[in-house]
Amino acid sequence: MLGFVTAAVVGVIANLLLFMLKTIYDVFCNREAADNPDYLPFIWILISVIAMKKFNVNMILWILISAVFGFLFYGL
């Protein structure tokens, strides 16, 4: 059972890495997106690191907070 959980965590981390790399590419390399860059993912990463390191926020809780924030910001 633990093998499935480990594979799921690796999949989520890989997905987040691809999302971050796409954002970095759009900000620094893509000339069309460079005119109107989206810095929110970078800001959210900094907020996430501070929340988890300084305030010891639970990871599952933070994933839920991030999902709600993303839905409210990008989904509406």
PDB file of N, CA and C in Angstrom:
ATOM      1  N   MET A   1       0.824  -1.199   0.000  1.00  0.00           N
ATOM      2  CA  MET A   1       0.000   0.000   0.000  1.00  0.00           C
ATOM      3  C   MET A   1       0.866   1.261   0.000  1.00  0.00           C
ATOM      4  N   LEU A   2       1.973   1.205   0.723  1.00  0.00           N
ATOM      5  CA  LEU A   2       2.842   2.371   0.803  1.00  0.00           C
ATOM      6  C   LEU A   2       3.460   2.708  -0.552  1.00  0.00           C
ATOM      7  N   GLY A   3       3.662   1.692  -1.379  1.00  0.00           N
ATOM      8  CA  GLY A   3       4.215   1.924  -2.714  1.00  0.00           C
ATOM      9  C   GLY A   3       3.316   2.788  -3.573  1.00  0.00           C
ATOM     10  N   PHE A   4       2.000   2.600  -3.448  1.00  0.00           N
ATOM     11  CA  PHE A   4       1.053   3.421  -4.209  1.00  0.00           C
ATOM     12  C   PHE A   4       1.061   4.863  -3.730  1.00  0.00           C
ATOM     13  N   VAL A   5       1.158   5.042  -2.423  1.00  0.00           N
ATOM     14  CA  VAL A   5       1.202   6.399  -1.861  1.00  0.00           C
ATOM     15  C   VAL A   5       2.475   7.098  -2.302  1.00  0.00           C
ATOM     16  N   THR A   6       3.587   6.393  -2.275  1.00  0.00           N
ATOM     17  CA  THR A   6       4.853   6.974  -2.710  1.00  0.00           C
ATOM     18  C   THR A   6       4.793   7.362  -4.183  1.00  0.00           C
ATOM     19  N   ALA A   7       4.221   6.499  -5.007  1.00  0.00           N
ATOM     20  CA  ALA A   7       4.093   6.807  -6.433  1.00  0.00           C
ATOM     21  C   ALA A   7       3.184   8.012  -6.645  1.00  0.00           C
ATOM     22  N   ALA A   8       2.143   8.127  -5.858  1.00  0.00           N
ATOM     23  CA  ALA A   8       1.246   9.283  -5.985  1.00  0.00           C
ATOM     24  C   ALA A   8       1.952  10.568  -5.598  1.00  0.00           C
ATOM     25  N   VAL A   9       2.735  10.533  -4.532  1.00  0.00           N
ATOM     26  CA  VAL A   9       3.469  11.726  -4.103  1.00  0.00           C
ATOM     27  C   VAL A   9       4.487  12.131  -5.158  1.00  0.00           C
ATOM     28  N   VAL A  10       5.191  11.180  -5.721  1.00  0.00           N
ATOM     29  CA  VAL A  10       6.159  11.481  -6.781  1.00  0.00           C
ATOM     30  C   VAL A  10       5.443  12.074  -7.987  1.00  0.00           C
ATOM     31  N   GLY A  11       4.273  11.558  -8.313  1.00  0.00           N
ATOM     32  CA  GLY A  11       3.504  12.102  -9.430  1.00  0.00           C
ATOM     33  C   GLY A  11       3.065  13.535  -9.189  1.00  0.00           C
ATOM     34  N   VAL A  12       2.631  13.833  -7.977  1.00  0.00           N
ATOM     35  CA  VAL A  12       2.219  15.199  -7.652  1.00  0.00           C
ATOM     36  C   VAL A  12       3.409  16.147  -7.713  1.00  0.00           C
ATOM     37  N   ILE A  13       4.544  15.730  -7.180  1.00  0.00           N
ATOM     38  CA  ILE A  13       5.741  16.569  -7.214  1.00  0.00           C
ATOM     39  C   ILE A  13       6.188  16.791  -8.656  1.00  0.00           C
ATOM     40  N   ALA A  14       6.136  15.764  -9.487  1.00  0.00           N
ATOM     41  CA  ALA A  14       6.516  15.921 -10.892  1.00  0.00           C
ATOM     42  C   ALA A  14       5.557  16.881 -11.611  1.00  0.00           C
ATOM     43  N   ASN A  15       4.278  16.788 -11.299  1.00  0.00           N
ATOM     44  CA  ASN A  15       3.304  17.685 -11.898  1.00  0.00           C
ATOM     45  C   ASN A  15       3.565  19.130 -11.481  1.00  0.00           C
ATOM     46  N   LEU A  16       3.857  19.353 -10.213  1.00  0.00           N
ATOM     47  CA  LEU A  16       4.180  20.706  -9.744  1.00  0.00           C
ATOM     48  C   LEU A  16       5.459  21.227 -10.400  1.00  0.00           C
ATOM     49  N   LEU A  17       6.434  20.349 -10.597  1.00  0.00           N
ATOM     50  CA  LEU A  17       7.668  20.751 -11.260  1.00  0.00           C
ATOM     51  C   LEU A  17       7.394  21.190 -12.689  1.00  0.00           C
ATOM     52  N   LEU A  18       6.572  20.443 -13.402  1.00  0.00           N
ATOM     53  CA  LEU A  18       6.235  20.828 -14.783  1.00  0.00           C
ATOM     54  C   LEU A  18       5.479  22.155 -14.817  1.00  0.00           C
ATOM     55  N   PHE A  19       4.573  22.361 -13.867  1.00  0.00           N
ATOM     56  CA  PHE A  19       3.842  23.625 -13.787  1.00  0.00           C
ATOM     57  C   PHE A  19       4.807  24.791 -13.541  1.00  0.00           C
ATOM     58  N   MET A  20       5.748  24.586 -12.631  1.00  0.00           N
ATOM     59  CA  MET A  20       6.711  25.650 -12.322  1.00  0.00           C
ATOM     60  C   MET A  20       7.633  25.910 -13.516  1.00  0.00           C
ATOM     61  N   LEU A  21       8.085  24.862 -14.188  1.00  0.00           N
ATOM     62  CA  LEU A  21       8.950  25.045 -15.351  1.00  0.00           C
ATOM     63  C   LEU A  21       8.226  25.765 -16.478  1.00  0.00           C
ATOM     64  N   LYS A  22       6.938  25.470 -16.667  1.00  0.00           N
ATOM     65  CA  LYS A  22       6.159  26.170 -17.679  1.00  0.00           C
ATOM     66  C   LYS A  22       6.047  27.651 -17.345  1.00  0.00           C
ATOM     67  N   THR A  23       5.850  27.950 -16.085  1.00  0.00           N
ATOM     68  CA  THR A  23       5.761  29.350 -15.654  1.00  0.00           C
ATOM     69  C   THR A  23       7.085  30.067 -15.865  1.00  0.00           C
ATOM     70  N   ILE A  24       8.179  29.416 -15.511  1.00  0.00           N
ATOM     71  CA  ILE A  24       9.501  30.025 -15.719  1.00  0.00           C
ATOM     72  C   ILE A  24       9.745  30.253 -17.207  1.00  0.00           C
ATOM     73  N   TYR A  25       9.387  29.279 -18.029  1.00  0.00           N
ATOM     74  CA  TYR A  25       9.550  29.436 -19.472  1.00  0.00           C
ATOM     75  C   TYR A  25       8.721  30.604 -19.991  1.00  0.00           C
ATOM     76  N   ASP A  26       7.467  30.699 -19.537  1.00  0.00           N
ATOM     77  CA  ASP A  26       6.603  31.782 -19.994  1.00  0.00           C
ATOM     78  C   ASP A  26       7.137  33.148 -19.577  1.00  0.00           C
ATOM     79  N   VAL A  27       7.671  33.235 -18.379  1.00  0.00           N
ATOM     80  CA  VAL A  27       8.145  34.531 -17.880  1.00  0.00           C
ATOM     81  C   VAL A  27       9.435  34.944 -18.576  1.00  0.00           C
ATOM     82  N   PHE A  28      10.369  34.020 -18.762  1.00  0.00           N
ATOM     83  CA  PHE A  28      11.695  34.409 -19.227  1.00  0.00           C
ATOM     84  C   PHE A  28      11.980  34.114 -20.701  1.00  0.00           C
ATOM     85  N   CYS A  29      11.282  33.159 -21.304  1.00  0.00           N
ATOM     86  CA  CYS A  29      11.640  32.749 -22.662  1.00  0.00           C
ATOM     87  C   CYS A  29      10.576  33.022 -23.708  1.00  0.00           C
ATOM     88  N   ASN A  30       9.323  32.949 -23.337  1.00  0.00           N
ATOM     89  CA  ASN A  30       8.234  33.107 -24.284  1.00  0.00           C
ATOM     90  C   ASN A  30       7.956  34.593 -24.489  1.00  0.00           C
ATOM     91  N   ARG A  31       8.215  35.102 -25.666  1.00  0.00           N
ATOM     92  CA  ARG A  31       8.080  36.538 -25.929  1.00  0.00           C
ATOM     93  C   ARG A  31       6.628  37.013 -25.867  1.00  0.00           C
ATOM     94  N   GLU A  32       5.681  36.166 -26.255  1.00  0.00           N
ATOM     95  CA  GLU A  32       4.277  36.566 -26.181  1.00  0.00           C
ATOM     96  C   GLU A  32       3.824  36.711 -24.737  1.00  0.00           C
ATOM     97  N   ALA A  33       4.221  35.783 -23.888  1.00  0.00           N
ATOM     98  CA  ALA A  33       3.822  35.839 -22.482  1.00  0.00           C
ATOM     99  C   ALA A  33       4.677  36.817 -21.692  1.00  0.00           C
ATOM    100  N   ALA A  34       5.819  37.214 -22.229  1.00  0.00           N
ATOM    101  CA  ALA A  34       6.694  38.141 -21.512  1.00  0.00           C
ATOM    102  C   ALA A  34       6.086  39.533 -21.407  1.00  0.00           C
ATOM    103  N   ASP A  35       5.177  39.870 -22.317  1.00  0.00           N
ATOM    104  CA  ASP A  35       4.526  41.166 -22.238  1.00  0.00           C
ATOM    105  C   ASP A  35       3.574  41.255 -21.048  1.00  0.00           C
ATOM    106  N   ASN A  36       2.999  40.124 -20.663  1.00  0.00           N
ATOM    107  CA  ASN A  36       2.053  40.086 -19.553  1.00  0.00           C
ATOM    108  C   ASN A  36       2.364  38.878 -18.671  1.00  0.00           C
ATOM    109  N   PRO A  37       3.468  38.909 -17.908  1.00  0.00           N
ATOM    110  CA  PRO A  37       3.865  37.734 -17.135  1.00  0.00           C
ATOM    111  C   PRO A  37       2.922  37.492 -15.953  1.00  0.00           C
ATOM    112  N   ASP A  38       2.820  36.228 -15.568  1.00  0.00           N
ATOM    113  CA  ASP A  38       2.004  35.828 -14.430  1.00  0.00           C
ATOM    114  C   ASP A  38       2.946  35.476 -13.281  1.00  0.00           C
ATOM    115  N   TYR A  39       3.111  36.405 -12.363  1.00  0.00           N
ATOM    116  CA  TYR A  39       4.031  36.200 -11.246  1.00  0.00           C
ATOM    117  C   TYR A  39       3.367  35.526 -10.057  1.00  0.00           C
ATOM    118  N   LEU A  40       2.073  35.307 -10.117  1.00  0.00           N
ATOM    119  CA  LEU A  40       1.365  34.718  -8.990  1.00  0.00           C
ATOM    120  C   LEU A  40       1.922  33.353  -8.582  1.00  0.00           C
ATOM    121  N   PRO A  41       2.268  32.450  -9.504  1.00  0.00           N
ATOM    122  CA  PRO A  41       2.839  31.166  -9.055  1.00  0.00           C
ATOM    123  C   PRO A  41       4.128  31.338  -8.246  1.00  0.00           C
ATOM    124  N   PHE A  42       4.983  32.277  -8.637  1.00  0.00           N
ATOM    125  CA  PHE A  42       6.200  32.512  -7.864  1.00  0.00           C
ATOM    126  C   PHE A  42       5.873  33.032  -6.468  1.00  0.00           C
ATOM    127  N   ILE A  43       4.931  33.950  -6.392  1.00  0.00           N
ATOM    128  CA  ILE A  43       4.534  34.507  -5.102  1.00  0.00           C
ATOM    129  C   ILE A  43       3.912  33.415  -4.234  1.00  0.00           C
ATOM    130  N   TRP A  44       3.082  32.563  -4.841  1.00  0.00           N
ATOM    131  CA  TRP A  44       2.439  31.497  -4.068  1.00  0.00           C
ATOM    132  C   TRP A  44       3.466  30.484  -3.571  1.00  0.00           C
ATOM    133  N   ILE A  45       4.496  30.208  -4.340  1.00  0.00           N
ATOM    134  CA  ILE A  45       5.559  29.308  -3.885  1.00  0.00           C
ATOM    135  C   ILE A  45       6.261  29.902  -2.670  1.00  0.00           C
ATOM    136  N   LEU A  46       6.559  31.188  -2.711  1.00  0.00           N
ATOM    137  CA  LEU A  46       7.200  31.838  -1.559  1.00  0.00           C
ATOM    138  C   LEU A  46       6.295  31.809  -0.331  1.00  0.00           C
ATOM    139  N   ILE A  47       5.011  32.100  -0.523  1.00  0.00           N
ATOM    140  CA  ILE A  47       4.061  32.041   0.590  1.00  0.00           C
ATOM    141  C   ILE A  47       3.985  30.622   1.149  1.00  0.00           C
ATOM    142  N   SER A  48       4.001  29.633   0.275  1.00  0.00           N
ATOM    143  CA  SER A  48       3.925  28.234   0.706  1.00  0.00           C
ATOM    144  C   SER A  48       5.139  27.836   1.525  1.00  0.00           C
ATOM    145  N   VAL A  49       6.318  28.207   1.063  1.00  0.00           N
ATOM    146  CA  VAL A  49       7.540  27.863   1.792  1.00  0.00           C
ATOM    147  C   VAL A  49       7.546  28.528   3.164  1.00  0.00           C
ATOM    148  N   ILE A  50       7.164  29.787   3.217  1.00  0.00           N
ATOM    149  CA  ILE A  50       7.128  30.488   4.504  1.00  0.00           C
ATOM    150  C   ILE A  50       6.094  29.855   5.426  1.00  0.00           C
ATOM    151  N   ALA A  51       4.922  29.544   4.900  1.00  0.00           N
ATOM    152  CA  ALA A  51       3.858  28.960   5.730  1.00  0.00           C
ATOM    153  C   ALA A  51       4.272  27.603   6.293  1.00  0.00           C
ATOM    154  N   MET A  52       4.945  26.795   5.484  1.00  0.00           N
ATOM    155  CA  MET A  52       5.298  25.461   5.949  1.00  0.00           C
ATOM    156  C   MET A  52       6.549  25.452   6.824  1.00  0.00           C
ATOM    157  N   LYS A  53       7.504  26.328   6.549  1.00  0.00           N
ATOM    158  CA  LYS A  53       8.737  26.337   7.343  1.00  0.00           C
ATOM    159  C   LYS A  53       8.593  27.133   8.636  1.00  0.00           C
ATOM    160  N   LYS A  54       8.054  28.339   8.533  1.00  0.00           N
ATOM    161  CA  LYS A  54       8.000  29.214   9.702  1.00  0.00           C
ATOM    162  C   LYS A  54       6.813  28.890  10.611  1.00  0.00           C
ATOM    163  N   PHE A  55       5.647  28.599  10.006  1.00  0.00           N
ATOM    164  CA  PHE A  55       4.439  28.403  10.797  1.00  0.00           C
ATOM    165  C   PHE A  55       4.034  26.936  10.923  1.00  0.00           C
ATOM    166  N   ASN A  56       4.812  26.031  10.347  1.00  0.00           N
ATOM    167  CA  ASN A  56       4.571  24.580  10.431  1.00  0.00           C
ATOM    168  C   ASN A  56       3.145  24.188  10.063  1.00  0.00           C
ATOM    169  N   VAL A  57       2.669  24.713   8.951  1.00  0.00           N
ATOM    170  CA  VAL A  57       1.332  24.372   8.462  1.00  0.00           C
ATOM    171  C   VAL A  57       1.347  22.939   7.951  1.00  0.00           C
ATOM    172  N   ASN A  58       0.302  22.198   8.250  1.00  0.00           N
ATOM    173  CA  ASN A  58       0.171  20.815   7.802  1.00  0.00           C
ATOM    174  C   ASN A  58       0.144  20.769   6.271  1.00  0.00           C
ATOM    175  N   MET A  59       0.848  19.824   5.683  1.00  0.00           N
ATOM    176  CA  MET A  59       0.965  19.716   4.230  1.00  0.00           C
ATOM    177  C   MET A  59      -0.393  19.467   3.568  1.00  0.00           C
ATOM    178  N   ILE A  60      -1.187  18.553   4.114  1.00  0.00           N
ATOM    179  CA  ILE A  60      -2.491  18.257   3.528  1.00  0.00           C
ATOM    180  C   ILE A  60      -3.383  19.487   3.591  1.00  0.00           C
ATOM    181  N   LEU A  61      -3.365  20.180   4.709  1.00  0.00           N
ATOM    182  CA  LEU A  61      -4.144  21.408   4.842  1.00  0.00           C
ATOM    183  C   LEU A  61      -3.687  22.451   3.831  1.00  0.00           C
ATOM    184  N   TRP A  62      -2.382  22.565   3.638  1.00  0.00           N
ATOM    185  CA  TRP A  62      -1.876  23.569   2.700  1.00  0.00           C
ATOM    186  C   TRP A  62      -2.224  23.211   1.255  1.00  0.00           C
ATOM    187  N   ILE A  63      -2.228  21.939   0.933  1.00  0.00           N
ATOM    188  CA  ILE A  63      -2.641  21.527  -0.416  1.00  0.00           C
ATOM    189  C   ILE A  63      -4.099  21.909  -0.649  1.00  0.00           C
ATOM    190  N   LEU A  64      -4.937  21.704   0.348  1.00  0.00           N
ATOM    191  CA  LEU A  64      -6.344  22.091   0.214  1.00  0.00           C
ATOM    192  C   LEU A  64      -6.489  23.612   0.093  1.00  0.00           C
ATOM    193  N   ILE A  65      -5.740  24.358   0.891  1.00  0.00           N
ATOM    194  CA  ILE A  65      -5.771  25.826   0.802  1.00  0.00           C
ATOM    195  C   ILE A  65      -5.311  26.273  -0.587  1.00  0.00           C
ATOM    196  N   SER A  66      -4.249  25.662  -1.089  1.00  0.00           N
ATOM    197  CA  SER A  66      -3.739  26.012  -2.414  1.00  0.00           C
ATOM    198  C   SER A  66      -4.747  25.687  -3.512  1.00  0.00           C
ATOM    199  N   ALA A  67      -5.427  24.549  -3.377  1.00  0.00           N
ATOM    200  CA  ALA A  67      -6.433  24.175  -4.375  1.00  0.00           C
ATOM    201  C   ALA A  67      -7.589  25.165  -4.376  1.00  0.00           C
ATOM    202  N   VAL A  68      -8.045  25.566  -3.196  1.00  0.00           N
ATOM    203  CA  VAL A  68      -9.144  26.533  -3.114  1.00  0.00           C
ATOM    204  C   VAL A  68      -8.702  27.881  -3.674  1.00  0.00           C
ATOM    205  N   PHE A  69      -7.499  28.318  -3.326  1.00  0.00           N
ATOM    206  CA  PHE A  69      -6.982  29.584  -3.835  1.00  0.00           C
ATOM    207  C   PHE A  69      -6.875  29.549  -5.354  1.00  0.00           C
ATOM    208  N   GLY A  70      -6.329  28.466  -5.895  1.00  0.00           N
ATOM    209  CA  GLY A  70      -6.198  28.342  -7.346  1.00  0.00           C
ATOM    210  C   GLY A  70      -7.537  28.331  -8.043  1.00  0.00           C
ATOM    211  N   PHE A  71      -8.510  27.631  -7.452  1.00  0.00           N
ATOM    212  CA  PHE A  71      -9.840  27.609  -8.043  1.00  0.00           C
ATOM    213  C   PHE A  71     -10.482  28.997  -8.027  1.00  0.00           C
ATOM    214  N   LEU A  72     -10.347  29.690  -6.902  1.00  0.00           N
ATOM    215  CA  LEU A  72     -10.949  31.014  -6.801  1.00  0.00           C
ATOM    216  C   LEU A  72     -10.266  32.019  -7.732  1.00  0.00           C
ATOM    217  N   PHE A  73      -8.958  31.924  -7.841  1.00  0.00           N
ATOM    218  CA  PHE A  73      -8.235  32.904  -8.644  1.00  0.00           C
ATOM    219  C   PHE A  73      -8.323  32.611 -10.146  1.00  0.00           C
ATOM    220  N   TYR A  74      -8.124  31.355 -10.522  1.00  0.00           N
ATOM    221  CA  TYR A  74      -8.084  31.003 -11.945  1.00  0.00           C
ATOM    222  C   TYR A  74      -9.413  30.439 -12.448  1.00  0.00           C
ATOM    223  N   GLY A  75     -10.212  29.850 -11.567  1.00  0.00           N
ATOM    224  CA  GLY A  75     -11.423  29.192 -12.000  1.00  0.00           C
ATOM    225  C   GLY A  75     -12.619  30.103 -12.156  1.00  0.00           C
ATOM    226  N   LEU A  76     -12.611  31.220 -11.432  1.00  0.00           N
ATOM    227  CA  LEU A  76     -13.779  32.109 -11.485  1.00  0.00           C
ATOM    228  C   LEU A  76     -13.588  33.256 -12.435  1.00  0.00           C
TER     229      LEU A  76
END
